[in-house]
Amino acid sequence: MDDSSFSSEPPKAASTAWMVTFADMISLLLTFFVMLFSMSTVASEKWEDVVRALEQNLNPGRKTLHVEPTSTHDIRSVFNEQATDLIYLAAVLREQMVKDPTLSRSQVTEYEKYLLISLPGDILFDRGTASVTPSARHALFTLGGLLQNLRNQIDVIGHTDPLPAQGGRFTSNWELSLARAVTVAEELRHFGYRKKIIAYGQGDARFENLSMAIPESHRFEVARRVDIVIRNSKGDE
């Protein structure tokens, strides 16, 4: 082997110049990420100042129009309009309904979230029908006038006794109870209450819930009723 192939000079040390470039790249990346973070948390006040400064410099002849609100109402107070207080309403209804010979036979009961007016079905309708009697129409006219200024949601629920429906155009107690509830709801809207009324038919489903202390003959009379439920929430138009 030729000895001339081996160099007698010592090996040169590796260059570290690349570290300068690497450090510059890391610094640039760090600066870039800091810039992104600062842009993601821009203070709204400072941003508006920047926008206004740019507008004045780029378009100095532009005028900024400041529009003042034309209404003094807070939209939250509009949508959170409170319904009529049920305790106050119960007192007014009892005072006024007792003056009507038909409504005086009704019962007003207060609950935590609603007020219940129970109208005896026998004074509203002839047996097996859903057409109100003349005296009942006058009573509903009076009741509609009392309810016309209410903001509360109103539901009307019809009930029957457990005896099967006989004759007429109704084949079941549920159909009869629903038809009576719809009739009362329509009369109330016709005579004053303008908001939407939801009508339900319960048939004889609630008969077993009546107190056993009520004589059986009277329980059947109570079962044939129409309930008007006045809730403590605001009704829909």
C-alpha atoms as a PDB file:
ATOM      1  CA  MET A   1       0.000   0.000   0.000  1.00  0.00           C
ATOM      2  CA  ASP A   2       1.254   3.425  -0.913  1.00  0.00           C
ATOM      3  CA  ASP A   3       1.956   5.536   2.204  1.00  0.00           C
ATOM      4  CA  SER A   4       1.327   8.670   0.200  1.00  0.00           C
ATOM      5  CA  SER A   5      -2.441   8.020   0.396  1.00  0.00           C
ATOM      6  CA  PHE A   6      -2.440   8.933   4.064  1.00  0.00           C
ATOM      7  CA  SER A   7      -2.336  12.618   5.023  1.00  0.00           C
ATOM      8  CA  SER A   8      -0.160  13.676   7.853  1.00  0.00           C
ATOM      9  CA  GLU A   9      -2.314  16.785   8.525  1.00  0.00           C
ATOM     10  CA  PRO A  10      -4.728  16.659  11.554  1.00  0.00           C
ATOM     11  CA  PRO A  11      -8.502  16.564  10.755  1.00  0.00           C
ATOM     12  CA  LYS A  12     -10.300  19.895  10.622  1.00  0.00           C
ATOM     13  CA  ALA A  13     -12.910  20.719  13.303  1.00  0.00           C
ATOM     14  CA  ALA A  14     -16.620  20.645  12.193  1.00  0.00           C
ATOM     15  CA  SER A  15     -18.102  24.050  11.345  1.00  0.00           C
ATOM     16  CA  THR A  16     -20.771  25.528  13.696  1.00  0.00           C
ATOM     17  CA  ALA A  17     -21.926  28.213  11.310  1.00  0.00           C
ATOM     18  CA  TRP A  18     -25.260  26.368  10.832  1.00  0.00           C
ATOM     19  CA  MET A  19     -26.202  27.141  14.440  1.00  0.00           C
ATOM     20  CA  VAL A  20     -26.456  30.830  13.629  1.00  0.00           C
ATOM     21  CA  THR A  21     -28.999  30.109  10.878  1.00  0.00           C
ATOM     22  CA  PHE A  22     -30.883  27.700  13.130  1.00  0.00           C
ATOM     23  CA  ALA A  23     -31.051  30.275  15.941  1.00  0.00           C
ATOM     24  CA  ASP A  24     -32.348  32.887  13.495  1.00  0.00           C
ATOM     25  CA  MET A  25     -35.075  30.500  12.331  1.00  0.00           C
ATOM     26  CA  ILE A  26     -36.159  29.711  15.904  1.00  0.00           C
ATOM     27  CA  SER A  27     -36.317  33.440  16.692  1.00  0.00           C
ATOM     28  CA  LEU A  28     -38.465  34.078  13.618  1.00  0.00           C
ATOM     29  CA  LEU A  29     -40.830  31.215  14.501  1.00  0.00           C
ATOM     30  CA  LEU A  30     -41.146  32.485  18.071  1.00  0.00           C
ATOM     31  CA  THR A  31     -41.889  35.984  16.793  1.00  0.00           C
ATOM     32  CA  PHE A  32     -44.487  34.589  14.389  1.00  0.00           C
ATOM     33  CA  PHE A  33     -46.340  32.647  17.099  1.00  0.00           C
ATOM     34  CA  VAL A  34     -46.259  35.634  19.467  1.00  0.00           C
ATOM     35  CA  MET A  35     -47.804  37.728  16.703  1.00  0.00           C
ATOM     36  CA  LEU A  36     -50.557  35.134  16.131  1.00  0.00           C
ATOM     37  CA  PHE A  37     -51.339  35.015  19.836  1.00  0.00           C
ATOM     38  CA  SER A  38     -51.502  38.794  20.104  1.00  0.00           C
ATOM     39  CA  MET A  39     -53.890  38.960  17.117  1.00  0.00           C
ATOM     40  CA  SER A  40     -56.176  36.363  18.695  1.00  0.00           C
ATOM     41  CA  THR A  41     -56.581  38.475  21.850  1.00  0.00           C
ATOM     42  CA  VAL A  42     -57.049  41.910  20.333  1.00  0.00           C
ATOM     43  CA  ALA A  43     -58.562  44.433  22.734  1.00  0.00           C
ATOM     44  CA  SER A  44     -61.761  45.748  21.144  1.00  0.00           C
ATOM     45  CA  GLU A  45     -61.082  49.337  22.233  1.00  0.00           C
ATOM     46  CA  LYS A  46     -57.577  49.374  20.728  1.00  0.00           C
ATOM     47  CA  TRP A  47     -58.827  47.747  17.534  1.00  0.00           C
ATOM     48  CA  GLU A  48     -61.526  50.410  17.142  1.00  0.00           C
ATOM     49  CA  ASP A  49     -58.885  53.134  17.621  1.00  0.00           C
ATOM     50  CA  VAL A  50     -56.785  51.565  14.876  1.00  0.00           C
ATOM     51  CA  VAL A  51     -59.780  51.347  12.525  1.00  0.00           C
ATOM     52  CA  ARG A  52     -60.729  54.981  13.137  1.00  0.00           C
ATOM     53  CA  ALA A  53     -57.141  56.113  12.565  1.00  0.00           C
ATOM     54  CA  LEU A  54     -56.995  54.210   9.270  1.00  0.00           C
ATOM     55  CA  GLU A  55     -60.343  55.639   8.141  1.00  0.00           C
ATOM     56  CA  GLN A  56     -59.198  59.197   8.834  1.00  0.00           C
ATOM     57  CA  ASN A  57     -55.932  58.688   6.979  1.00  0.00           C
ATOM     58  CA  LEU A  58     -57.324  56.777   4.007  1.00  0.00           C
ATOM     59  CA  ASN A  59     -60.628  58.667   3.665  1.00  0.00           C
ATOM     60  CA  PRO A  60     -60.333  62.008   5.502  1.00  0.00           C
ATOM     61  CA  GLY A  61     -63.511  63.442   3.920  1.00  0.00           C
ATOM     62  CA  ARG A  62     -65.760  60.694   5.317  1.00  0.00           C
ATOM     63  CA  LYS A  63     -68.106  61.659   8.141  1.00  0.00           C
ATOM     64  CA  THR A  64     -69.012  59.267  10.921  1.00  0.00           C
ATOM     65  CA  LEU A  65     -72.736  59.083  11.603  1.00  0.00           C
ATOM     66  CA  HIS A  66     -73.773  58.414  15.182  1.00  0.00           C
ATOM     67  CA  VAL A  67     -77.372  57.156  15.451  1.00  0.00           C
ATOM     68  CA  GLU A  68     -79.063  57.481  18.814  1.00  0.00           C
ATOM     69  CA  PRO A  69     -81.756  54.945  19.798  1.00  0.00           C
ATOM     70  CA  THR A  70     -85.298  56.173  19.130  1.00  0.00           C
ATOM     71  CA  SER A  71     -86.934  54.067  21.840  1.00  0.00           C
ATOM     72  CA  THR A  72     -86.445  54.128  25.577  1.00  0.00           C
ATOM     73  CA  HIS A  73     -87.632  50.526  25.996  1.00  0.00           C
ATOM     74  CA  ASP A  74     -85.155  47.844  26.938  1.00  0.00           C
ATOM     75  CA  ILE A  75     -85.745  44.788  24.740  1.00  0.00           C
ATOM     76  CA  ARG A  76     -85.232  42.534  27.764  1.00  0.00           C
ATOM     77  CA  SER A  77     -88.131  44.211  29.554  1.00  0.00           C
ATOM     78  CA  VAL A  78     -90.330  43.691  26.471  1.00  0.00           C
ATOM     79  CA  PHE A  79     -89.716  39.966  26.219  1.00  0.00           C
ATOM     80  CA  ASN A  80     -89.859  39.455  29.993  1.00  0.00           C
ATOM     81  CA  GLU A  81     -93.217  41.170  30.345  1.00  0.00           C
ATOM     82  CA  GLN A  82     -94.853  39.766  33.440  1.00  0.00           C
ATOM     83  CA  ALA A  83     -98.260  38.118  33.435  1.00  0.00           C
ATOM     84  CA  THR A  84    -101.049  39.239  35.758  1.00  0.00           C
ATOM     85  CA  ASP A  85    -100.576  38.178  39.378  1.00  0.00           C
ATOM     86  CA  LEU A  86    -102.739  35.129  40.101  1.00  0.00           C
ATOM     87  CA  ILE A  87    -103.607  36.063  43.681  1.00  0.00           C
ATOM     88  CA  TYR A  88    -104.896  39.447  42.582  1.00  0.00           C
ATOM     89  CA  LEU A  89    -106.713  37.873  39.643  1.00  0.00           C
ATOM     90  CA  ALA A  90    -108.427  35.280  41.847  1.00  0.00           C
ATOM     91  CA  ALA A  91    -109.791  38.013  44.111  1.00  0.00           C
ATOM     92  CA  VAL A  92    -111.140  40.004  41.153  1.00  0.00           C
ATOM     93  CA  LEU A  93    -112.755  36.951  39.548  1.00  0.00           C
ATOM     94  CA  ARG A  94    -114.475  35.861  42.755  1.00  0.00           C
ATOM     95  CA  GLU A  95    -115.817  39.352  43.315  1.00  0.00           C
ATOM     96  CA  GLN A  96    -117.191  39.696  39.783  1.00  0.00           C
ATOM     97  CA  MET A  97    -118.315  36.140  39.056  1.00  0.00           C
ATOM     98  CA  VAL A  98    -120.555  35.973  42.121  1.00  0.00           C
ATOM     99  CA  LYS A  99    -122.723  38.681  40.521  1.00  0.00           C
ATOM    100  CA  ASP A 100    -123.646  36.399  37.610  1.00  0.00           C
ATOM    101  CA  PRO A 101    -126.226  33.683  38.438  1.00  0.00           C
ATOM    102  CA  THR A 102    -124.496  31.163  36.173  1.00  0.00           C
ATOM    103  CA  LEU A 103    -120.874  31.967  37.005  1.00  0.00           C
ATOM    104  CA  SER A 104    -121.669  32.035  40.720  1.00  0.00           C
ATOM    105  CA  ARG A 105    -121.915  28.232  40.576  1.00  0.00           C
ATOM    106  CA  SER A 106    -118.329  28.016  39.350  1.00  0.00           C
ATOM    107  CA  GLN A 107    -115.349  27.316  41.566  1.00  0.00           C
ATOM    108  CA  VAL A 108    -112.084  29.290  41.557  1.00  0.00           C
ATOM    109  CA  THR A 109    -109.075  27.427  42.991  1.00  0.00           C
ATOM    110  CA  GLU A 110    -105.566  28.836  43.427  1.00  0.00           C
ATOM    111  CA  TYR A 111    -102.470  26.752  42.805  1.00  0.00           C
ATOM    112  CA  GLU A 112     -98.786  27.665  42.844  1.00  0.00           C
ATOM    113  CA  LYS A 113     -98.380  28.129  39.088  1.00  0.00           C
ATOM    114  CA  TYR A 114    -101.932  28.462  37.814  1.00  0.00           C
ATOM    115  CA  LEU A 115    -105.481  29.479  38.635  1.00  0.00           C
ATOM    116  CA  LEU A 116    -108.309  27.028  37.982  1.00  0.00           C
ATOM    117  CA  ILE A 117    -111.872  28.057  37.121  1.00  0.00           C
ATOM    118  CA  SER A 118    -114.208  25.061  37.039  1.00  0.00           C
ATOM    119  CA  LEU A 119    -117.437  25.691  35.122  1.00  0.00           C
ATOM    120  CA  PRO A 120    -120.170  23.074  35.662  1.00  0.00           C
ATOM    121  CA  GLY A 121    -120.904  21.465  32.309  1.00  0.00           C
ATOM    122  CA  ASP A 122    -124.610  21.166  33.095  1.00  0.00           C
ATOM    123  CA  ILE A 123    -125.017  24.955  33.119  1.00  0.00           C
ATOM    124  CA  LEU A 124    -123.078  25.352  29.856  1.00  0.00           C
ATOM    125  CA  PHE A 125    -124.425  22.586  27.633  1.00  0.00           C
ATOM    126  CA  ASP A 126    -127.420  20.363  27.204  1.00  0.00           C
ATOM    127  CA  ARG A 127    -126.578  16.717  27.855  1.00  0.00           C
ATOM    128  CA  GLY A 128    -124.599  15.105  25.043  1.00  0.00           C
ATOM    129  CA  THR A 129    -124.095  18.351  23.092  1.00  0.00           C
ATOM    130  CA  ALA A 130    -121.316  20.915  22.658  1.00  0.00           C
ATOM    131  CA  SER A 131    -123.539  23.919  21.911  1.00  0.00           C
ATOM    132  CA  VAL A 132    -123.740  26.452  24.735  1.00  0.00           C
ATOM    133  CA  THR A 133    -127.126  27.414  26.141  1.00  0.00           C
ATOM    134  CA  PRO A 134    -128.331  31.051  25.968  1.00  0.00           C
ATOM    135  CA  SER A 135    -127.673  31.591  29.672  1.00  0.00           C
ATOM    136  CA  ALA A 136    -124.216  30.049  29.303  1.00  0.00           C
ATOM    137  CA  ARG A 137    -123.442  32.366  26.392  1.00  0.00           C
ATOM    138  CA  HIS A 138    -124.221  35.376  28.570  1.00  0.00           C
ATOM    139  CA  ALA A 139    -122.014  33.962  31.337  1.00  0.00           C
ATOM    140  CA  LEU A 140    -119.116  33.422  28.924  1.00  0.00           C
ATOM    141  CA  PHE A 141    -119.636  36.956  27.627  1.00  0.00           C
ATOM    142  CA  THR A 142    -119.143  38.224  31.176  1.00  0.00           C
ATOM    143  CA  LEU A 143    -116.136  35.976  31.764  1.00  0.00           C
ATOM    144  CA  GLY A 144    -114.550  36.969  28.446  1.00  0.00           C
ATOM    145  CA  GLY A 145    -114.843  40.619  29.446  1.00  0.00           C
ATOM    146  CA  LEU A 146    -113.070  39.878  32.724  1.00  0.00           C
ATOM    147  CA  LEU A 147    -110.234  38.083  30.922  1.00  0.00           C
ATOM    148  CA  GLN A 148    -109.806  40.425  27.964  1.00  0.00           C
ATOM    149  CA  ASN A 149    -106.911  42.413  29.463  1.00  0.00           C
ATOM    150  CA  LEU A 150    -104.993  39.390  30.755  1.00  0.00           C
ATOM    151  CA  ARG A 151    -101.497  38.678  29.488  1.00  0.00           C
ATOM    152  CA  ASN A 152    -101.547  35.164  30.960  1.00  0.00           C
ATOM    153  CA  GLN A 153    -101.632  31.917  29.000  1.00  0.00           C
ATOM    154  CA  ILE A 154    -105.073  30.265  29.149  1.00  0.00           C
ATOM    155  CA  ASP A 155    -105.883  26.589  28.562  1.00  0.00           C
ATOM    156  CA  VAL A 156    -109.386  25.103  28.412  1.00  0.00           C
ATOM    157  CA  ILE A 157    -109.919  21.455  29.392  1.00  0.00           C
ATOM    158  CA  GLY A 158    -113.157  19.554  28.885  1.00  0.00           C
ATOM    159  CA  HIS A 159    -114.253  16.648  31.123  1.00  0.00           C
ATOM    160  CA  THR A 160    -117.123  14.153  31.168  1.00  0.00           C
ATOM    161  CA  ASP A 161    -118.529  11.534  33.526  1.00  0.00           C
ATOM    162  CA  PRO A 162    -117.691   7.849  32.899  1.00  0.00           C
ATOM    163  CA  LEU A 163    -121.097   7.020  31.396  1.00  0.00           C
ATOM    164  CA  PRO A 164    -120.768   6.123  27.690  1.00  0.00           C
ATOM    165  CA  ALA A 165    -121.767   8.812  25.208  1.00  0.00           C
ATOM    166  CA  GLN A 166    -125.265   8.125  23.901  1.00  0.00           C
ATOM    167  CA  GLY A 167    -126.878   9.587  20.818  1.00  0.00           C
ATOM    168  CA  GLY A 168    -125.765  12.788  19.192  1.00  0.00           C
ATOM    169  CA  ARG A 169    -122.784  13.092  16.889  1.00  0.00           C
ATOM    170  CA  PHE A 170    -120.100  12.173  19.435  1.00  0.00           C
ATOM    171  CA  THR A 171    -118.995   8.547  19.567  1.00  0.00           C
ATOM    172  CA  SER A 172    -116.835   8.863  22.684  1.00  0.00           C
ATOM    173  CA  ASN A 173    -116.512  10.901  25.853  1.00  0.00           C
ATOM    174  CA  TRP A 174    -113.153  12.196  24.642  1.00  0.00           C
ATOM    175  CA  GLU A 175    -114.700  13.680  21.483  1.00  0.00           C
ATOM    176  CA  LEU A 176    -117.458  15.307  23.530  1.00  0.00           C
ATOM    177  CA  SER A 177    -115.034  16.776  26.086  1.00  0.00           C
ATOM    178  CA  LEU A 178    -112.745  18.148  23.373  1.00  0.00           C
ATOM    179  CA  ALA A 179    -115.637  19.698  21.449  1.00  0.00           C
ATOM    180  CA  ARG A 180    -116.874  21.425  24.605  1.00  0.00           C
ATOM    181  CA  ALA A 181    -113.400  22.745  25.394  1.00  0.00           C
ATOM    182  CA  VAL A 182    -113.069  24.140  21.868  1.00  0.00           C
ATOM    183  CA  THR A 183    -116.511  25.771  22.123  1.00  0.00           C
ATOM    184  CA  VAL A 184    -115.669  27.513  25.396  1.00  0.00           C
ATOM    185  CA  ALA A 185    -112.278  28.636  24.026  1.00  0.00           C
ATOM    186  CA  GLU A 186    -113.933  30.130  20.946  1.00  0.00           C
ATOM    187  CA  GLU A 187    -116.527  31.939  23.056  1.00  0.00           C
ATOM    188  CA  LEU A 188    -113.850  33.462  25.313  1.00  0.00           C
ATOM    189  CA  ARG A 189    -111.865  34.698  22.311  1.00  0.00           C
ATOM    190  CA  HIS A 190    -115.024  36.060  20.702  1.00  0.00           C
ATOM    191  CA  PHE A 191    -116.005  37.937  23.841  1.00  0.00           C
ATOM    192  CA  GLY A 192    -112.678  39.526  24.753  1.00  0.00           C
ATOM    193  CA  TYR A 193    -109.579  37.385  25.311  1.00  0.00           C
ATOM    194  CA  ARG A 194    -107.359  37.864  22.249  1.00  0.00           C
ATOM    195  CA  LYS A 195    -104.388  35.591  22.868  1.00  0.00           C
ATOM    196  CA  LYS A 196    -104.090  31.988  21.760  1.00  0.00           C
ATOM    197  CA  ILE A 197    -106.047  29.435  23.814  1.00  0.00           C
ATOM    198  CA  ILE A 198    -105.076  25.760  23.910  1.00  0.00           C
ATOM    199  CA  ALA A 199    -108.047  23.357  24.199  1.00  0.00           C
ATOM    200  CA  TYR A 200    -107.797  19.804  25.554  1.00  0.00           C
ATOM    201  CA  GLY A 201    -110.236  16.923  25.926  1.00  0.00           C
ATOM    202  CA  GLN A 202    -109.827  14.624  28.944  1.00  0.00           C
ATOM    203  CA  GLY A 203    -113.033  12.605  28.678  1.00  0.00           C
ATOM    204  CA  ASP A 204    -113.596  10.778  31.970  1.00  0.00           C
ATOM    205  CA  ALA A 205    -109.853  10.286  32.644  1.00  0.00           C
ATOM    206  CA  ARG A 206    -109.946  12.527  35.732  1.00  0.00           C
ATOM    207  CA  PHE A 207    -113.087  11.061  37.269  1.00  0.00           C
ATOM    208  CA  GLU A 208    -111.126   8.823  39.661  1.00  0.00           C
ATOM    209  CA  ASN A 209    -109.229  11.872  40.945  1.00  0.00           C
ATOM    210  CA  LEU A 210    -112.381  13.436  42.382  1.00  0.00           C
ATOM    211  CA  SER A 211    -112.649  13.303  46.147  1.00  0.00           C
ATOM    212  CA  MET A 212    -114.522  10.281  47.498  1.00  0.00           C
ATOM    213  CA  ALA A 213    -116.050  12.586  50.107  1.00  0.00           C
ATOM    214  CA  ILE A 214    -118.285  14.023  47.358  1.00  0.00           C
ATOM    215  CA  PRO A 215    -121.615  12.177  47.145  1.00  0.00           C
ATOM    216  CA  GLU A 216    -121.701   9.891  44.118  1.00  0.00           C
ATOM    217  CA  SER A 217    -124.569  11.725  42.410  1.00  0.00           C
ATOM    218  CA  HIS A 218    -122.762  15.044  42.835  1.00  0.00           C
ATOM    219  CA  ARG A 219    -119.471  13.512  41.663  1.00  0.00           C
ATOM    220  CA  PHE A 220    -121.051  12.860  38.273  1.00  0.00           C
ATOM    221  CA  GLU A 221    -122.159  16.490  38.092  1.00  0.00           C
ATOM    222  CA  VAL A 222    -118.679  17.712  39.001  1.00  0.00           C
ATOM    223  CA  ALA A 223    -117.169  15.379  36.408  1.00  0.00           C
ATOM    224  CA  ARG A 224    -119.160  17.063  33.625  1.00  0.00           C
ATOM    225  CA  ARG A 225    -117.193  20.299  33.787  1.00  0.00           C
ATOM    226  CA  VAL A 226    -114.990  22.584  31.746  1.00  0.00           C
ATOM    227  CA  ASP A 227    -111.826  23.830  33.432  1.00  0.00           C
ATOM    228  CA  ILE A 228    -110.244  27.147  32.496  1.00  0.00           C
ATOM    229  CA  VAL A 229    -106.569  27.120  33.480  1.00  0.00           C
ATOM    230  CA  ILE A 230    -104.949  30.558  33.813  1.00  0.00           C
ATOM    231  CA  ARG A 231    -101.183  30.123  34.048  1.00  0.00           C
ATOM    232  CA  ASN A 232     -98.656  32.479  35.595  1.00  0.00           C
ATOM    233  CA  SER A 233     -96.754  32.699  32.293  1.00  0.00           C
ATOM    234  CA  LYS A 234     -97.379  35.123  29.472  1.00  0.00           C
ATOM    235  CA  GLY A 235     -99.582  33.905  26.615  1.00  0.00           C
ATOM    236  CA  ASP A 236     -98.838  33.997  22.879  1.00  0.00           C
ATOM    237  CA  GLU A 237    -100.586  36.235  20.417  1.00  0.00           C
END
